[in-house]
Amino acid sequence: MPAMPELPEVETIVRRLRDGWADAPPLPGKRITSVTLRWARHIAMPSAARFRRSIAGNRVHDVRRRGKYLIFPLDRGTLLIHLKMSGDLQLVPPGTAPDPFDRTVFHLDDGWDLRFSDARKFGKAYLVDDPERLLGRLGPEPLERAFTARGLADDLHSHRRALKPLLLDQAFVAGLGNIYVDEALHRARLHPLRRSDTLSPAEVHALWRGIRASLQRGLRHHGASIDWVYRGGGYQNYFRVYQRTGEPCPECGTPIERLVIGQRGTPICPACQRA
């Protein structure tokens, strides 16, 4: 299964849209004049026709992130975008040739476009009055100060689930996906099928450090370039185990092996991450 943009990739997009990047200006302050929908099913809420009518004329006040959602507070309501498997968002100048994968295009008052490209068509956009209808289901943000080792211990011990599927559950912790869970578990020297309620305090602390260290390093390198979708990241050059099956473990030199857990390829070091 291909990787999808995770917390560092989404946060990188948020920062570039919010602050400007390369030749693109910041998005906040621009007004959406109209939207072109080339794939109506991109719009999850409300109907595509109502979405098109309601969003026109709204000014974008900010760009934020919660989990893997991009959040755009508007004059009226909030635009939420989830990139899913193959989505990307780019601010492009007037006259830029269309891309065949541009499914939803927000036209702005200065001639620039915010283009939602999505090769596999799984991405979703929502225009809502109360974003907590969607965001309230998410677990804690793993890079915030409120995400502590003690809190993680309580949450882990309240479940009896294998570590990897639990960490991928967005209601347990927000923003993690295949890449950063695999990297974090290797840092913590924990097997992905280890049951969550069996971890010692030292193991919980190692997992907490591993999650944060993997995400922080991903952010420093602007995320990982994933397939042909997300561009410009460099974290793929620093993977410890992800996409490194058969290569030596950076800790002990043992060849990385690949398991399949919940239909997801899962690389581990059989020496560092004993069952």
Protein backbone atom coordinates (compact mmCIF):
# COMPACT_ATOMS: atom_id res chain seq x y z
CA MET A 1 0.00 0.00 0.00
CA PRO A 2 1.50 3.39 -0.94
CA ALA A 3 2.27 5.87 1.80
CA MET A 4 0.13 8.94 2.28
CA PRO A 5 1.12 12.37 3.56
CA GLU A 6 1.47 12.23 7.35
CA LEU A 7 1.96 14.89 10.02
CA PRO A 8 5.35 16.24 8.80
CA GLU A 9 4.27 16.34 5.15
CA VAL A 10 0.95 18.03 5.95
CA GLU A 11 2.60 20.47 8.36
CA THR A 12 5.16 21.37 5.67
CA ILE A 13 2.33 22.18 3.24
CA VAL A 14 0.59 24.24 5.95
CA ARG A 15 3.72 26.30 6.62
CA ARG A 16 4.34 26.95 2.95
CA LEU A 17 0.78 28.06 2.33
CA ARG A 18 0.60 30.14 5.50
CA ASP A 19 4.00 31.83 5.27
CA GLY A 20 4.72 31.76 1.52
CA TRP A 21 7.39 29.67 -0.12
CA ALA A 22 9.66 30.06 -3.15
CA ASP A 23 7.85 32.59 -5.34
CA ALA A 24 4.40 31.94 -3.85
CA PRO A 25 2.91 34.55 -1.49
CA PRO A 26 1.16 33.67 1.78
CA LEU A 27 -2.38 32.41 1.35
CA PRO A 28 -4.01 34.16 4.37
CA GLY A 29 -5.73 37.38 3.36
CA LYS A 30 -6.66 36.17 -0.12
CA ARG A 31 -10.31 35.88 -1.11
CA ILE A 32 -11.78 32.86 -2.92
CA THR A 33 -13.72 34.20 -5.90
CA SER A 34 -14.90 30.85 -7.26
CA VAL A 35 -14.04 27.15 -7.33
CA THR A 36 -13.73 24.74 -10.23
CA LEU A 37 -14.76 21.17 -9.40
CA ARG A 38 -13.39 18.60 -11.82
CA TRP A 39 -14.19 15.75 -9.44
CA ALA A 40 -17.38 16.50 -7.55
CA ARG A 41 -16.82 13.63 -5.13
CA HIS A 42 -13.88 15.54 -3.69
CA ILE A 43 -16.54 17.46 -1.77
CA ALA A 44 -17.62 15.47 1.27
CA MET A 45 -19.73 18.15 2.95
CA PRO A 46 -22.07 19.86 1.93
CA SER A 47 -23.23 18.98 -1.61
CA ALA A 48 -20.87 20.00 -4.41
CA ALA A 49 -23.33 22.62 -5.68
CA ARG A 50 -23.81 24.16 -2.24
CA PHE A 51 -20.07 24.03 -1.59
CA ARG A 52 -19.40 25.99 -4.79
CA ARG A 53 -22.01 28.63 -3.92
CA SER A 54 -21.11 28.95 -0.24
CA ILE A 55 -17.35 29.23 -0.52
CA ALA A 56 -17.30 32.01 -3.12
CA GLY A 57 -16.47 35.40 -1.63
CA ASN A 58 -14.86 34.03 1.52
CA ARG A 59 -11.50 35.35 2.67
CA VAL A 60 -8.92 32.88 4.02
CA HIS A 61 -7.84 34.01 7.49
CA ASP A 62 -5.23 31.39 8.37
CA VAL A 63 -3.83 27.95 7.52
CA ARG A 64 -3.54 25.41 10.34
CA ARG A 65 -3.28 21.67 10.87
CA ARG A 66 -4.93 19.11 13.11
CA GLY A 67 -3.77 15.54 12.62
CA LYS A 68 -3.68 15.08 8.85
CA TYR A 69 -6.33 17.75 8.17
CA LEU A 70 -5.50 21.17 6.75
CA ILE A 71 -7.70 23.86 8.30
CA PHE A 72 -8.65 27.13 6.57
CA PRO A 73 -10.75 29.48 8.74
CA LEU A 74 -12.94 31.62 6.46
CA ASP A 75 -15.27 34.59 6.86
CA ARG A 76 -18.15 32.12 6.95
CA GLY A 77 -17.31 28.65 8.18
CA THR A 78 -14.14 26.58 7.95
CA LEU A 79 -12.68 24.72 5.01
CA LEU A 80 -11.10 21.37 5.95
CA ILE A 81 -9.04 19.34 3.49
CA HIS A 82 -7.75 15.80 3.95
CA LEU A 83 -5.18 14.77 1.34
CA LYS A 84 -5.73 11.02 1.85
CA MET A 85 -3.55 8.78 -0.36
CA SER A 86 -2.33 11.06 -3.10
CA GLY A 87 -3.41 14.63 -2.42
CA ASP A 88 -1.30 17.76 -2.63
CA LEU A 89 -2.06 21.48 -2.34
CA GLN A 90 -0.14 24.15 -4.19
CA LEU A 91 -0.54 27.87 -4.73
CA VAL A 92 0.18 28.57 -8.40
CA PRO A 93 0.49 31.89 -10.26
CA PRO A 94 -1.80 33.16 -13.02
CA GLY A 95 -1.29 31.49 -16.38
CA THR A 96 0.06 28.21 -14.97
CA ALA A 97 -0.88 25.31 -17.24
CA PRO A 98 -3.42 22.93 -15.68
CA ASP A 99 -2.25 19.60 -14.32
CA PRO A 100 -4.33 16.53 -15.26
CA PHE A 101 -4.62 15.61 -11.57
CA ASP A 102 -5.97 19.02 -10.43
CA ARG A 103 -9.40 17.92 -9.21
CA THR A 104 -10.48 21.00 -7.24
CA VAL A 105 -9.19 24.52 -7.98
CA PHE A 106 -9.87 27.52 -5.74
CA HIS A 107 -9.57 30.73 -7.76
CA LEU A 108 -8.29 33.70 -5.73
CA ASP A 109 -8.88 37.43 -6.05
CA ASP A 110 -5.31 38.22 -7.17
CA GLY A 111 -5.33 35.69 -10.02
CA TRP A 112 -3.49 32.92 -8.16
CA ASP A 113 -5.05 29.46 -7.76
CA LEU A 114 -4.98 27.05 -4.85
CA ARG A 115 -4.93 23.69 -6.60
CA PHE A 116 -5.94 20.43 -4.91
CA SER A 117 -4.18 17.77 -6.96
CA ASP A 118 -5.21 14.17 -6.31
CA ALA A 119 -4.14 11.38 -8.63
CA ARG A 120 -6.12 8.61 -6.91
CA LYS A 121 -9.19 10.77 -6.12
CA PHE A 122 -9.42 9.78 -2.44
CA GLY A 123 -8.97 13.29 -1.02
CA LYS A 124 -11.84 15.14 0.63
CA ALA A 125 -12.88 18.75 1.25
CA TYR A 126 -15.41 19.87 3.85
CA LEU A 127 -17.04 23.25 4.41
CA VAL A 128 -18.40 23.25 7.95
CA ASP A 129 -19.69 25.66 10.57
CA ASP A 130 -18.17 23.64 13.43
CA PRO A 131 -14.85 21.93 12.55
CA GLU A 132 -15.00 19.94 15.80
CA ARG A 133 -17.61 17.76 14.13
CA LEU A 134 -14.63 16.13 12.41
CA LEU A 135 -11.60 17.19 14.42
CA GLY A 136 -13.12 16.31 17.80
CA ARG A 137 -12.67 12.61 17.00
CA LEU A 138 -8.90 12.91 16.81
CA GLY A 139 -6.43 11.89 19.49
CA PRO A 140 -3.68 14.10 20.96
CA GLU A 141 -1.13 15.95 18.85
CA PRO A 142 2.17 14.08 19.40
CA LEU A 143 4.40 17.17 19.17
CA GLU A 144 2.46 19.30 21.61
CA ARG A 145 3.56 19.70 25.23
CA ALA A 146 0.33 18.07 26.42
CA PHE A 147 1.46 14.79 24.83
CA THR A 148 3.49 13.33 27.70
CA ALA A 149 5.07 9.97 28.39
CA ARG A 150 2.81 9.59 31.43
CA GLY A 151 -0.30 10.26 29.38
CA LEU A 152 0.88 7.88 26.68
CA ALA A 153 1.43 5.19 29.32
CA ASP A 154 -2.13 5.58 30.59
CA ASP A 155 -3.53 5.39 27.07
CA LEU A 156 -1.42 2.38 26.07
CA HIS A 157 -2.34 0.45 29.20
CA SER A 158 -6.05 1.17 28.71
CA HIS A 159 -5.94 -0.92 25.51
CA ARG A 160 -4.97 -4.49 24.75
CA ARG A 161 -3.97 -3.96 21.13
CA ALA A 162 -0.88 -4.53 19.01
CA LEU A 163 1.26 -1.42 18.96
CA LYS A 164 1.31 -0.64 15.25
CA PRO A 165 -2.46 -0.79 14.60
CA LEU A 166 -3.07 1.21 17.77
CA LEU A 167 -0.59 3.95 16.84
CA LEU A 168 -2.14 4.18 13.37
CA ASP A 169 -5.57 4.80 14.93
CA GLN A 170 -6.17 8.55 14.54
CA ALA A 171 -8.43 8.51 17.60
CA PHE A 172 -5.46 7.29 19.69
CA VAL A 173 -2.87 9.75 18.44
CA ALA A 174 -3.29 12.19 15.55
CA GLY A 175 -1.09 12.45 12.48
CA LEU A 176 0.87 9.22 12.51
CA GLY A 177 0.90 6.88 9.53
CA ASN A 178 2.90 3.98 8.21
CA ILE A 179 6.22 5.80 7.82
CA TYR A 180 6.51 7.47 11.20
CA VAL A 181 5.05 4.55 13.18
CA ASP A 182 7.61 2.17 11.65
CA GLU A 183 10.43 4.64 12.31
CA ALA A 184 9.30 5.32 15.88
CA LEU A 185 8.99 1.65 16.76
CA HIS A 186 12.49 0.99 15.49
CA ARG A 187 13.87 3.88 17.54
CA ALA A 188 12.10 2.45 20.60
CA ARG A 189 13.30 -1.12 19.82
CA LEU A 190 9.72 -2.38 20.04
CA HIS A 191 8.10 -5.05 17.90
CA PRO A 192 5.00 -3.72 16.08
CA LEU A 193 2.88 -6.64 17.35
CA ARG A 194 3.80 -6.08 20.99
CA ARG A 195 0.63 -5.68 23.04
CA SER A 196 0.18 -2.13 24.29
CA ASP A 197 -0.68 -2.99 27.89
CA THR A 198 2.55 -4.96 28.41
CA LEU A 199 5.02 -2.09 28.02
CA SER A 200 7.21 -1.19 30.98
CA PRO A 201 7.66 2.48 31.99
CA ALA A 202 11.08 2.51 30.28
CA GLU A 203 9.59 1.10 27.07
CA VAL A 204 6.77 3.64 27.09
CA HIS A 205 9.28 6.45 27.50
CA ALA A 206 11.36 5.05 24.63
CA LEU A 207 8.26 4.93 22.43
CA TRP A 208 7.29 8.50 23.39
CA ARG A 209 10.80 9.68 22.51
CA GLY A 210 10.78 7.65 19.29
CA ILE A 211 7.48 9.14 18.10
CA ARG A 212 8.58 12.69 18.74
CA ALA A 213 12.11 12.22 17.37
CA SER A 214 10.84 10.67 14.13
CA LEU A 215 8.30 13.44 13.57
CA GLN A 216 10.75 16.21 14.48
CA ARG A 217 13.36 14.85 12.09
CA GLY A 218 10.73 14.51 9.39
CA LEU A 219 9.79 18.15 9.88
CA ARG A 220 13.42 19.28 9.71
CA HIS A 221 13.66 17.65 6.27
CA HIS A 222 10.22 18.96 5.12
CA GLY A 223 8.74 15.48 5.23
CA ALA A 224 9.45 12.57 2.94
CA SER A 225 8.91 12.61 -0.82
CA ILE A 226 6.24 9.97 -1.32
CA ASP A 227 5.76 8.22 -4.66
CA TRP A 228 5.09 10.95 -7.27
CA VAL A 229 2.68 12.77 -4.97
CA TYR A 230 4.37 14.82 -2.27
CA ARG A 231 7.40 16.69 -3.59
CA GLY A 232 10.32 18.50 -2.05
CA GLY A 233 10.86 16.50 1.13
CA GLY A 234 14.17 14.90 2.03
CA TYR A 235 13.38 12.64 4.99
CA GLN A 236 13.38 9.56 2.74
CA ASN A 237 17.18 9.90 2.70
CA TYR A 238 17.27 9.31 6.46
CA PHE A 239 14.86 6.40 6.93
CA ARG A 240 16.00 3.86 9.51
CA VAL A 241 13.77 0.97 8.35
CA TYR A 242 11.00 2.27 6.07
CA GLN A 243 11.57 1.15 2.43
CA ARG A 244 14.87 -0.46 3.52
CA THR A 245 13.97 -4.16 3.45
CA GLY A 246 17.13 -6.23 3.04
CA GLU A 247 19.43 -3.35 3.95
CA PRO A 248 21.45 -3.34 7.19
CA CYS A 249 19.89 -2.00 10.37
CA PRO A 250 21.59 1.33 11.24
CA GLU A 251 21.93 0.15 14.87
CA CYS A 252 23.21 -3.42 14.58
CA GLY A 253 23.71 -4.25 10.89
CA THR A 254 21.13 -7.06 10.79
CA PRO A 255 19.19 -7.06 7.48
CA ILE A 256 15.81 -5.36 7.74
CA GLU A 257 12.89 -7.77 7.32
CA ARG A 258 9.37 -7.07 6.09
CA LEU A 259 6.23 -8.20 7.87
CA VAL A 260 2.62 -7.63 6.81
CA ILE A 261 0.45 -6.31 9.63
CA GLY A 262 -3.12 -5.33 8.90
CA GLN A 263 -2.40 -5.43 5.15
CA ARG A 264 0.44 -2.94 5.62
CA GLY A 265 4.05 -3.67 4.84
CA THR A 266 5.99 -3.29 8.07
CA PRO A 267 9.81 -3.25 8.14
CA ILE A 268 11.59 -4.27 11.33
CA CYS A 269 15.02 -5.22 12.54
CA PRO A 270 14.60 -8.77 13.90
CA ALA A 271 17.51 -8.24 16.29
CA CYS A 272 16.59 -4.82 17.71
CA GLN A 273 12.82 -5.38 17.68
CA ARG A 274 12.39 -8.86 19.09
CA ALA A 275 8.91 -10.32 19.28
